[in-house]
Amino acid sequence: MTTENIHGNGIRTVTAGCEFWDSLTPQARTNNEPILAGFETYLVSHFPLNHDSPFVYKIGRQAMCLGQNISLRQTDDESCAYIATANGLRVLDEPNINYTKDALKSRLTEIRSRQLGRLVELGDILQPASLLEIFSSGPPYGRFRMEQLKGEARNDLLVPDIMLELLQRFDRGSVGILSWPYSPRYTLAQGITFEHARTLTGFQIRDGRLNINVIDPYERTERPWSFRDLVVAFMFQYTTINNLSANDVNFLAKSVWLIEKTPPSIQTASK
């Protein structure tokens, strides 16, 4: 069952990924079901049965709350990437006053103002290059690193090898930030795509099915998305989705901002 909420900005968001799948034409669903099922079988074959990556059950409210007086829910049109990143940092570490949209934006403002020699005002959209600057700016963010996976598109590729690498990185303790449309209904009605960033905290395998755990900063919810629904939701903004390929799934994997917490450096006593 799909539920729908209407926020103050008029954007409709759905709380079930199957809404994207259901928005495909019957022929597209017929074409893509066996393709995505085959990719899913390939991916789950590399992990134990009923497997959970490390942070699937850590979240609870830890990633979405930071004391009674600090709201971590997105209430505007643009700050999803900031809040999704802050949620990810709390998953990787713990609740911390530095892991909020305001703290991240404040650090980036300091960086930009220092670079330009004057006070600057930033918008609420966070870009990958800016996040890299924040992580390179010293404590407390210097303990984190971010990257996006690389790989060339190949017409002869039969399996989503970069998607497998993404899952392996989740399994080693990374989280991810990924954007896809708010909802298919809103996108189709408006003729434009409004991307919305969420936090990917890892994955579960149950009875041969792959689910990706997602925290949504608008809904302030955490829930699993099926592999099929996540791929279709992400690709909804790029193609008519008649015949998805391994390159499409790998494109999704390469679009994730992978964030990990690096281990502290080992201090050796001087003689």
C-alpha atoms as a PDB file:
ATOM      1  CA  MET A   1       0.000   0.000   0.000  1.00  0.00           C
ATOM      2  CA  THR A   2       1.280   3.448  -0.899  1.00  0.00           C
ATOM      3  CA  THR A   3       0.629   6.513   1.217  1.00  0.00           C
ATOM      4  CA  GLU A   4       1.085  10.082   0.076  1.00  0.00           C
ATOM      5  CA  ASN A   5       1.826  13.282   1.956  1.00  0.00           C
ATOM      6  CA  ILE A   6       1.611  16.885   0.777  1.00  0.00           C
ATOM      7  CA  HIS A   7       4.206  19.270   2.224  1.00  0.00           C
ATOM      8  CA  GLY A   8       3.970  23.020   2.539  1.00  0.00           C
ATOM      9  CA  ASN A   9       5.807  23.542  -0.733  1.00  0.00           C
ATOM     10  CA  GLY A  10       3.220  21.505  -2.620  1.00  0.00           C
ATOM     11  CA  ILE A  11       5.562  18.639  -3.435  1.00  0.00           C
ATOM     12  CA  ARG A  12       3.916  15.266  -3.098  1.00  0.00           C
ATOM     13  CA  THR A  13       6.070  12.503  -1.715  1.00  0.00           C
ATOM     14  CA  VAL A  14       5.268   8.832  -1.644  1.00  0.00           C
ATOM     15  CA  THR A  15       6.454   6.520   1.086  1.00  0.00           C
ATOM     16  CA  ALA A  16       6.735   3.328  -0.926  1.00  0.00           C
ATOM     17  CA  GLY A  17       9.155   2.709  -3.751  1.00  0.00           C
ATOM     18  CA  CYS A  18       6.699   0.484  -5.598  1.00  0.00           C
ATOM     19  CA  GLU A  19       4.897   3.649  -6.692  1.00  0.00           C
ATOM     20  CA  PHE A  20       7.692   4.221  -9.196  1.00  0.00           C
ATOM     21  CA  TRP A  21       7.409   0.662 -10.511  1.00  0.00           C
ATOM     22  CA  ASP A  22       3.644   0.944 -10.801  1.00  0.00           C
ATOM     23  CA  SER A  23       4.049   4.132 -12.858  1.00  0.00           C
ATOM     24  CA  LEU A  24       5.802   2.212 -15.649  1.00  0.00           C
ATOM     25  CA  THR A  25       3.848   1.018 -18.646  1.00  0.00           C
ATOM     26  CA  PRO A  26       2.744  -2.635 -18.518  1.00  0.00           C
ATOM     27  CA  GLN A  27       5.209  -3.431 -21.309  1.00  0.00           C
ATOM     28  CA  ALA A  28       8.089  -1.794 -19.414  1.00  0.00           C
ATOM     29  CA  ARG A  29       7.250  -3.835 -16.313  1.00  0.00           C
ATOM     30  CA  THR A  30       7.143  -7.006 -18.403  1.00  0.00           C
ATOM     31  CA  ASN A  31      10.491  -6.183 -20.024  1.00  0.00           C
ATOM     32  CA  ASN A  32      12.311  -5.164 -16.869  1.00  0.00           C
ATOM     33  CA  GLU A  33      11.118  -7.725 -14.324  1.00  0.00           C
ATOM     34  CA  PRO A  34      13.361 -10.595 -15.572  1.00  0.00           C
ATOM     35  CA  ILE A  35      16.295  -8.250 -16.219  1.00  0.00           C
ATOM     36  CA  LEU A  36      16.271  -6.795 -12.707  1.00  0.00           C
ATOM     37  CA  ALA A  37      15.587 -10.201 -11.155  1.00  0.00           C
ATOM     38  CA  GLY A  38      18.692 -11.552 -12.895  1.00  0.00           C
ATOM     39  CA  PHE A  39      20.815  -8.652 -11.638  1.00  0.00           C
ATOM     40  CA  GLU A  40      19.431  -9.153  -8.124  1.00  0.00           C
ATOM     41  CA  THR A  41      20.327 -12.857  -8.216  1.00  0.00           C
ATOM     42  CA  TYR A  42      23.874 -11.953  -9.269  1.00  0.00           C
ATOM     43  CA  LEU A  43      24.273  -9.419  -6.461  1.00  0.00           C
ATOM     44  CA  VAL A  44      22.888 -11.524  -3.609  1.00  0.00           C
ATOM     45  CA  SER A  45      24.998 -14.511  -4.652  1.00  0.00           C
ATOM     46  CA  HIS A  46      28.061 -12.698  -3.305  1.00  0.00           C
ATOM     47  CA  PHE A  47      26.744 -12.506   0.259  1.00  0.00           C
ATOM     48  CA  PRO A  48      25.505 -14.989   2.898  1.00  0.00           C
ATOM     49  CA  LEU A  49      21.827 -15.823   3.194  1.00  0.00           C
ATOM     50  CA  ASN A  50      19.834 -13.403   5.374  1.00  0.00           C
ATOM     51  CA  HIS A  51      22.767 -10.991   5.466  1.00  0.00           C
ATOM     52  CA  ASP A  52      22.720  -7.490   6.995  1.00  0.00           C
ATOM     53  CA  SER A  53      25.372  -4.856   6.383  1.00  0.00           C
ATOM     54  CA  PRO A  54      26.721  -3.201   9.566  1.00  0.00           C
ATOM     55  CA  PHE A  55      24.507  -0.119   9.935  1.00  0.00           C
ATOM     56  CA  VAL A  56      21.097  -1.482   8.960  1.00  0.00           C
ATOM     57  CA  TYR A  57      19.978  -1.842  12.575  1.00  0.00           C
ATOM     58  CA  LYS A  58      22.054   0.907  14.173  1.00  0.00           C
ATOM     59  CA  ILE A  59      19.837   3.747  13.077  1.00  0.00           C
ATOM     60  CA  GLY A  60      16.641   3.926  15.105  1.00  0.00           C
ATOM     61  CA  ARG A  61      16.142   7.576  15.981  1.00  0.00           C
ATOM     62  CA  GLN A  62      19.868   8.212  16.376  1.00  0.00           C
ATOM     63  CA  ALA A  63      20.253   9.379  12.804  1.00  0.00           C
ATOM     64  CA  MET A  64      17.217  11.625  12.845  1.00  0.00           C
ATOM     65  CA  CYS A  65      17.275  13.294  16.271  1.00  0.00           C
ATOM     66  CA  LEU A  66      19.790  15.332  18.223  1.00  0.00           C
ATOM     67  CA  GLY A  67      18.136  16.481  21.417  1.00  0.00           C
ATOM     68  CA  GLN A  68      14.707  17.961  21.928  1.00  0.00           C
ATOM     69  CA  ASN A  69      15.577  21.451  20.721  1.00  0.00           C
ATOM     70  CA  ILE A  70      17.231  20.572  17.413  1.00  0.00           C
ATOM     71  CA  SER A  71      15.072  19.689  14.436  1.00  0.00           C
ATOM     72  CA  LEU A  72      16.784  17.530  11.844  1.00  0.00           C
ATOM     73  CA  ARG A  73      13.828  17.279   9.511  1.00  0.00           C
ATOM     74  CA  GLN A  74      13.876  18.963   6.124  1.00  0.00           C
ATOM     75  CA  THR A  75      11.340  21.798   6.027  1.00  0.00           C
ATOM     76  CA  ASP A  76      12.430  23.637   2.872  1.00  0.00           C
ATOM     77  CA  ASP A  77      12.853  22.786  -0.813  1.00  0.00           C
ATOM     78  CA  GLU A  78      16.621  22.461  -1.097  1.00  0.00           C
ATOM     79  CA  SER A  79      18.478  21.283   2.020  1.00  0.00           C
ATOM     80  CA  CYS A  80      17.979  17.530   1.561  1.00  0.00           C
ATOM     81  CA  ALA A  81      21.645  16.829   0.729  1.00  0.00           C
ATOM     82  CA  TYR A  82      22.852  18.695   3.824  1.00  0.00           C
ATOM     83  CA  ILE A  83      20.436  16.837   6.096  1.00  0.00           C
ATOM     84  CA  ALA A  84      20.977  13.466   4.429  1.00  0.00           C
ATOM     85  CA  THR A  85      24.734  13.938   4.908  1.00  0.00           C
ATOM     86  CA  ALA A  86      24.296  14.922   8.554  1.00  0.00           C
ATOM     87  CA  ASN A  87      22.134  11.827   9.069  1.00  0.00           C
ATOM     88  CA  GLY A  88      24.880   9.717   7.524  1.00  0.00           C
ATOM     89  CA  LEU A  89      27.568  11.169   9.810  1.00  0.00           C
ATOM     90  CA  ARG A  90      25.510  10.286  12.875  1.00  0.00           C
ATOM     91  CA  VAL A  91      25.070   6.752  11.571  1.00  0.00           C
ATOM     92  CA  LEU A  92      28.838   6.455  11.087  1.00  0.00           C
ATOM     93  CA  ASP A  93      29.670   8.032  14.444  1.00  0.00           C
ATOM     94  CA  GLU A  94      27.122   9.207  17.025  1.00  0.00           C
ATOM     95  CA  PRO A  95      24.807  12.163  17.740  1.00  0.00           C
ATOM     96  CA  ASN A  96      26.943  15.301  17.702  1.00  0.00           C
ATOM     97  CA  ILE A  97      26.150  19.004  17.469  1.00  0.00           C
ATOM     98  CA  ASN A  98      28.575  19.193  14.526  1.00  0.00           C
ATOM     99  CA  TYR A  99      26.547  16.692  12.517  1.00  0.00           C
ATOM    100  CA  THR A 100      23.674  18.948  11.501  1.00  0.00           C
ATOM    101  CA  LYS A 101      22.757  20.932   8.401  1.00  0.00           C
ATOM    102  CA  ASP A 102      23.517  24.205  10.189  1.00  0.00           C
ATOM    103  CA  ALA A 103      26.943  23.054  11.369  1.00  0.00           C
ATOM    104  CA  LEU A 104      27.944  21.736   7.937  1.00  0.00           C
ATOM    105  CA  LYS A 105      26.712  24.889   6.234  1.00  0.00           C
ATOM    106  CA  SER A 106      28.511  27.058   8.792  1.00  0.00           C
ATOM    107  CA  ARG A 107      31.808  25.278   8.120  1.00  0.00           C
ATOM    108  CA  LEU A 108      31.374  25.685   4.359  1.00  0.00           C
ATOM    109  CA  THR A 109      30.553  29.380   4.865  1.00  0.00           C
ATOM    110  CA  GLU A 110      33.811  29.789   6.790  1.00  0.00           C
ATOM    111  CA  ILE A 111      35.722  28.079   3.990  1.00  0.00           C
ATOM    112  CA  ARG A 112      34.116  30.204   1.249  1.00  0.00           C
ATOM    113  CA  SER A 113      34.499  33.458   3.195  1.00  0.00           C
ATOM    114  CA  ARG A 114      38.178  32.732   3.799  1.00  0.00           C
ATOM    115  CA  GLN A 115      38.728  31.931   0.121  1.00  0.00           C
ATOM    116  CA  LEU A 116      37.024  35.134  -1.088  1.00  0.00           C
ATOM    117  CA  GLY A 117      38.155  37.422   1.713  1.00  0.00           C
ATOM    118  CA  ARG A 118      34.607  38.471   2.524  1.00  0.00           C
ATOM    119  CA  LEU A 119      31.528  37.068   4.189  1.00  0.00           C
ATOM    120  CA  VAL A 120      29.421  35.047   1.770  1.00  0.00           C
ATOM    121  CA  GLU A 121      25.886  33.699   1.914  1.00  0.00           C
ATOM    122  CA  LEU A 122      25.333  30.132   0.737  1.00  0.00           C
ATOM    123  CA  GLY A 123      22.198  28.512  -0.598  1.00  0.00           C
ATOM    124  CA  ASP A 124      20.836  25.275   0.800  1.00  0.00           C
ATOM    125  CA  ILE A 125      22.102  22.983  -1.983  1.00  0.00           C
ATOM    126  CA  LEU A 126      25.159  20.895  -1.113  1.00  0.00           C
ATOM    127  CA  GLN A 127      27.388  19.682  -3.955  1.00  0.00           C
ATOM    128  CA  PRO A 128      29.963  16.839  -3.807  1.00  0.00           C
ATOM    129  CA  ALA A 129      32.930  19.200  -4.270  1.00  0.00           C
ATOM    130  CA  SER A 130      31.733  21.308  -1.331  1.00  0.00           C
ATOM    131  CA  LEU A 131      31.372  18.236   0.876  1.00  0.00           C
ATOM    132  CA  LEU A 132      34.944  17.250   0.005  1.00  0.00           C
ATOM    133  CA  GLU A 133      36.059  20.721   1.129  1.00  0.00           C
ATOM    134  CA  ILE A 134      34.249  20.297   4.442  1.00  0.00           C
ATOM    135  CA  PHE A 135      35.898  16.927   5.045  1.00  0.00           C
ATOM    136  CA  SER A 136      39.305  18.441   4.221  1.00  0.00           C
ATOM    137  CA  SER A 137      38.844  21.381   6.589  1.00  0.00           C
ATOM    138  CA  GLY A 138      40.016  19.678   9.770  1.00  0.00           C
ATOM    139  CA  PRO A 139      38.299  18.569  13.001  1.00  0.00           C
ATOM    140  CA  PRO A 140      35.688  17.315  13.530  1.00  0.00           C
ATOM    141  CA  TYR A 141      35.088  16.527   9.842  1.00  0.00           C
ATOM    142  CA  GLY A 142      38.584  15.368   9.001  1.00  0.00           C
ATOM    143  CA  ARG A 143      37.741  11.875  10.224  1.00  0.00           C
ATOM    144  CA  PHE A 144      35.400  11.361   7.243  1.00  0.00           C
ATOM    145  CA  ARG A 145      36.098  10.867   3.555  1.00  0.00           C
ATOM    146  CA  MET A 146      33.806  10.854   0.526  1.00  0.00           C
ATOM    147  CA  GLU A 147      34.170   9.401  -2.943  1.00  0.00           C
ATOM    148  CA  GLN A 148      32.142   8.213  -5.898  1.00  0.00           C
ATOM    149  CA  LEU A 149      32.875   4.907  -7.561  1.00  0.00           C
ATOM    150  CA  LYS A 150      34.418   4.921 -11.032  1.00  0.00           C
ATOM    151  CA  GLY A 151      33.914   2.756 -14.080  1.00  0.00           C
ATOM    152  CA  GLU A 152      33.363   2.979 -17.811  1.00  0.00           C
ATOM    153  CA  ALA A 153      30.096   2.102 -19.536  1.00  0.00           C
ATOM    154  CA  ARG A 154      30.388  -1.021 -21.710  1.00  0.00           C
ATOM    155  CA  ASN A 155      27.798  -2.254 -24.168  1.00  0.00           C
ATOM    156  CA  ASP A 156      28.793  -5.883 -23.580  1.00  0.00           C
ATOM    157  CA  LEU A 157      28.459  -5.718 -19.778  1.00  0.00           C
ATOM    158  CA  LEU A 158      26.150  -8.452 -18.516  1.00  0.00           C
ATOM    159  CA  VAL A 159      26.315  -7.872 -14.752  1.00  0.00           C
ATOM    160  CA  PRO A 160      26.261  -4.720 -12.585  1.00  0.00           C
ATOM    161  CA  ASP A 161      29.807  -5.026 -11.228  1.00  0.00           C
ATOM    162  CA  ILE A 162      29.998  -1.470  -9.848  1.00  0.00           C
ATOM    163  CA  MET A 163      26.716  -1.998  -7.984  1.00  0.00           C
ATOM    164  CA  LEU A 164      28.337  -5.055  -6.414  1.00  0.00           C
ATOM    165  CA  GLU A 165      31.277  -2.874  -5.387  1.00  0.00           C
ATOM    166  CA  LEU A 166      28.836  -0.411  -3.809  1.00  0.00           C
ATOM    167  CA  LEU A 167      27.252  -3.185  -1.722  1.00  0.00           C
ATOM    168  CA  GLN A 168      30.698  -4.405  -0.697  1.00  0.00           C
ATOM    169  CA  ARG A 169      31.549  -0.894   0.471  1.00  0.00           C
ATOM    170  CA  PHE A 170      28.342  -0.769   2.516  1.00  0.00           C
ATOM    171  CA  ASP A 171      29.355  -4.107   3.970  1.00  0.00           C
ATOM    172  CA  ARG A 172      32.688  -2.621   5.048  1.00  0.00           C
ATOM    173  CA  GLY A 173      30.975   0.212   6.910  1.00  0.00           C
ATOM    174  CA  SER A 174      30.237   3.033   4.457  1.00  0.00           C
ATOM    175  CA  VAL A 175      26.974   4.938   4.050  1.00  0.00           C
ATOM    176  CA  GLY A 176      25.753   6.728   0.935  1.00  0.00           C
ATOM    177  CA  ILE A 177      23.872   9.802  -0.247  1.00  0.00           C
ATOM    178  CA  LEU A 178      21.749   9.414  -3.371  1.00  0.00           C
ATOM    179  CA  SER A 179      19.122  11.592  -5.068  1.00  0.00           C
ATOM    180  CA  TRP A 180      16.074  10.511  -7.029  1.00  0.00           C
ATOM    181  CA  PRO A 181      12.704  12.183  -7.739  1.00  0.00           C
ATOM    182  CA  TYR A 182      10.292  13.124  -4.986  1.00  0.00           C
ATOM    183  CA  SER A 183       7.568  11.031  -6.534  1.00  0.00           C
ATOM    184  CA  PRO A 184       6.541   9.818  -9.977  1.00  0.00           C
ATOM    185  CA  ARG A 185       3.154  11.506  -9.784  1.00  0.00           C
ATOM    186  CA  TYR A 186       4.646  14.924  -9.132  1.00  0.00           C
ATOM    187  CA  THR A 187       7.327  14.434 -11.779  1.00  0.00           C
ATOM    188  CA  LEU A 188       4.862  13.279 -14.420  1.00  0.00           C
ATOM    189  CA  ALA A 189       2.339  16.000 -13.631  1.00  0.00           C
ATOM    190  CA  GLN A 190       4.857  18.852 -13.689  1.00  0.00           C
ATOM    191  CA  GLY A 191       7.019  17.585 -16.523  1.00  0.00           C
ATOM    192  CA  ILE A 192      10.095  18.375 -14.446  1.00  0.00           C
ATOM    193  CA  THR A 193      12.156  16.326 -12.044  1.00  0.00           C
ATOM    194  CA  PHE A 194      12.703  17.517  -8.501  1.00  0.00           C
ATOM    195  CA  GLU A 195      15.541  15.477  -7.097  1.00  0.00           C
ATOM    196  CA  HIS A 196      15.498  14.596  -3.428  1.00  0.00           C
ATOM    197  CA  ALA A 197      18.560  13.286  -1.557  1.00  0.00           C
ATOM    198  CA  ARG A 198      18.257  10.421   0.911  1.00  0.00           C
ATOM    199  CA  THR A 199      20.734   8.516   3.094  1.00  0.00           C
ATOM    200  CA  LEU A 200      21.491   4.906   2.188  1.00  0.00           C
ATOM    201  CA  THR A 201      22.619   3.120   5.334  1.00  0.00           C
ATOM    202  CA  GLY A 202      23.206  -0.347   3.933  1.00  0.00           C
ATOM    203  CA  PHE A 203      21.342  -3.401   2.741  1.00  0.00           C
ATOM    204  CA  GLN A 204      19.562  -6.589   3.792  1.00  0.00           C
ATOM    205  CA  ILE A 205      19.229  -9.912   2.015  1.00  0.00           C
ATOM    206  CA  ARG A 206      16.144 -11.968   2.801  1.00  0.00           C
ATOM    207  CA  ASP A 207      15.052 -15.076   0.893  1.00  0.00           C
ATOM    208  CA  GLY A 208      17.152 -14.102  -2.100  1.00  0.00           C
ATOM    209  CA  ARG A 209      15.801 -10.546  -2.222  1.00  0.00           C
ATOM    210  CA  LEU A 210      17.937  -7.421  -1.880  1.00  0.00           C
ATOM    211  CA  ASN A 211      16.643  -4.423   0.064  1.00  0.00           C
ATOM    212  CA  ILE A 212      18.439  -1.078   0.507  1.00  0.00           C
ATOM    213  CA  ASN A 213      17.818   0.782   3.780  1.00  0.00           C
ATOM    214  CA  VAL A 214      16.834   4.436   3.197  1.00  0.00           C
ATOM    215  CA  ILE A 215      16.438   7.439   5.525  1.00  0.00           C
ATOM    216  CA  ASP A 216      14.286  10.205   4.040  1.00  0.00           C
ATOM    217  CA  PRO A 217      14.917  13.693   5.517  1.00  0.00           C
ATOM    218  CA  TYR A 218      11.435  14.990   4.605  1.00  0.00           C
ATOM    219  CA  GLU A 219       9.467  12.066   5.954  1.00  0.00           C
ATOM    220  CA  ARG A 220      11.937  11.546   8.794  1.00  0.00           C
ATOM    221  CA  THR A 221      11.502   7.837   8.269  1.00  0.00           C
ATOM    222  CA  GLU A 222      13.769   4.897   7.698  1.00  0.00           C
ATOM    223  CA  ARG A 223      12.576   1.980   5.605  1.00  0.00           C
ATOM    224  CA  PRO A 224      13.855  -0.590   3.121  1.00  0.00           C
ATOM    225  CA  TRP A 225      13.455  -0.099  -0.611  1.00  0.00           C
ATOM    226  CA  SER A 226      13.569  -3.148  -2.829  1.00  0.00           C
ATOM    227  CA  PHE A 227      16.410  -3.297  -5.335  1.00  0.00           C
ATOM    228  CA  ARG A 228      13.900  -3.228  -8.184  1.00  0.00           C
ATOM    229  CA  ASP A 229      12.028  -0.195  -6.885  1.00  0.00           C
ATOM    230  CA  LEU A 230      15.197   1.754  -6.099  1.00  0.00           C
ATOM    231  CA  VAL A 231      16.649   1.211  -9.581  1.00  0.00           C
ATOM    232  CA  VAL A 232      13.405   2.252 -11.269  1.00  0.00           C
ATOM    233  CA  ALA A 233      12.967   5.280  -8.982  1.00  0.00           C
ATOM    234  CA  PHE A 234      16.497   6.496  -9.670  1.00  0.00           C
ATOM    235  CA  MET A 235      16.312   5.930 -13.432  1.00  0.00           C
ATOM    236  CA  PHE A 236      12.870   7.603 -13.603  1.00  0.00           C
ATOM    237  CA  GLN A 237      14.575  10.943 -14.186  1.00  0.00           C
ATOM    238  CA  TYR A 238      16.821   9.776 -17.015  1.00  0.00           C
ATOM    239  CA  THR A 239      15.039   7.365 -19.334  1.00  0.00           C
ATOM    240  CA  THR A 240      11.720   5.878 -20.376  1.00  0.00           C
ATOM    241  CA  ILE A 241      12.898   2.661 -18.677  1.00  0.00           C
ATOM    242  CA  ASN A 242      11.811   0.211 -21.348  1.00  0.00           C
ATOM    243  CA  ASN A 243      14.854  -2.034 -21.061  1.00  0.00           C
ATOM    244  CA  LEU A 244      17.165  -1.421 -18.119  1.00  0.00           C
ATOM    245  CA  SER A 245      20.751  -2.611 -18.419  1.00  0.00           C
ATOM    246  CA  ALA A 246      23.737  -3.373 -16.213  1.00  0.00           C
ATOM    247  CA  ASN A 247      25.103   0.058 -17.163  1.00  0.00           C
ATOM    248  CA  ASP A 248      21.954   1.703 -15.758  1.00  0.00           C
ATOM    249  CA  VAL A 249      22.391  -0.086 -12.438  1.00  0.00           C
ATOM    250  CA  ASN A 250      26.080   0.825 -12.398  1.00  0.00           C
ATOM    251  CA  PHE A 251      25.171   4.448 -13.148  1.00  0.00           C
ATOM    252  CA  LEU A 252      23.092   4.417  -9.970  1.00  0.00           C
ATOM    253  CA  ALA A 253      26.035   3.015  -7.999  1.00  0.00           C
ATOM    254  CA  LYS A 254      28.430   5.639  -9.402  1.00  0.00           C
ATOM    255  CA  SER A 255      26.009   8.429  -8.468  1.00  0.00           C
ATOM    256  CA  VAL A 256      26.152   7.573  -4.746  1.00  0.00           C
ATOM    257  CA  TRP A 257      28.304   9.784  -2.533  1.00  0.00           C
ATOM    258  CA  LEU A 258      30.045   7.124  -0.459  1.00  0.00           C
ATOM    259  CA  ILE A 259      31.013   8.360   3.008  1.00  0.00           C
ATOM    260  CA  GLU A 260      33.166   6.453   5.456  1.00  0.00           C
ATOM    261  CA  LYS A 261      34.738   7.193   8.802  1.00  0.00           C
ATOM    262  CA  THR A 262      38.477   6.688   8.713  1.00  0.00           C
ATOM    263  CA  PRO A 263      40.210   5.040  11.681  1.00  0.00           C
ATOM    264  CA  PRO A 264      42.234   7.352  13.937  1.00  0.00           C
ATOM    265  CA  SER A 265      45.917   7.554  13.195  1.00  0.00           C
ATOM    266  CA  ILE A 266      48.158   5.553  15.492  1.00  0.00           C
ATOM    267  CA  GLN A 267      50.360   7.748  17.646  1.00  0.00           C
ATOM    268  CA  THR A 268      53.770   6.330  18.441  1.00  0.00           C
ATOM    269  CA  ALA A 269      55.774   7.494  21.419  1.00  0.00           C
ATOM    270  CA  SER A 270      58.987   9.276  20.517  1.00  0.00           C
ATOM    271  CA  LYS A 271      62.171   7.854  21.982  1.00  0.00           C
END
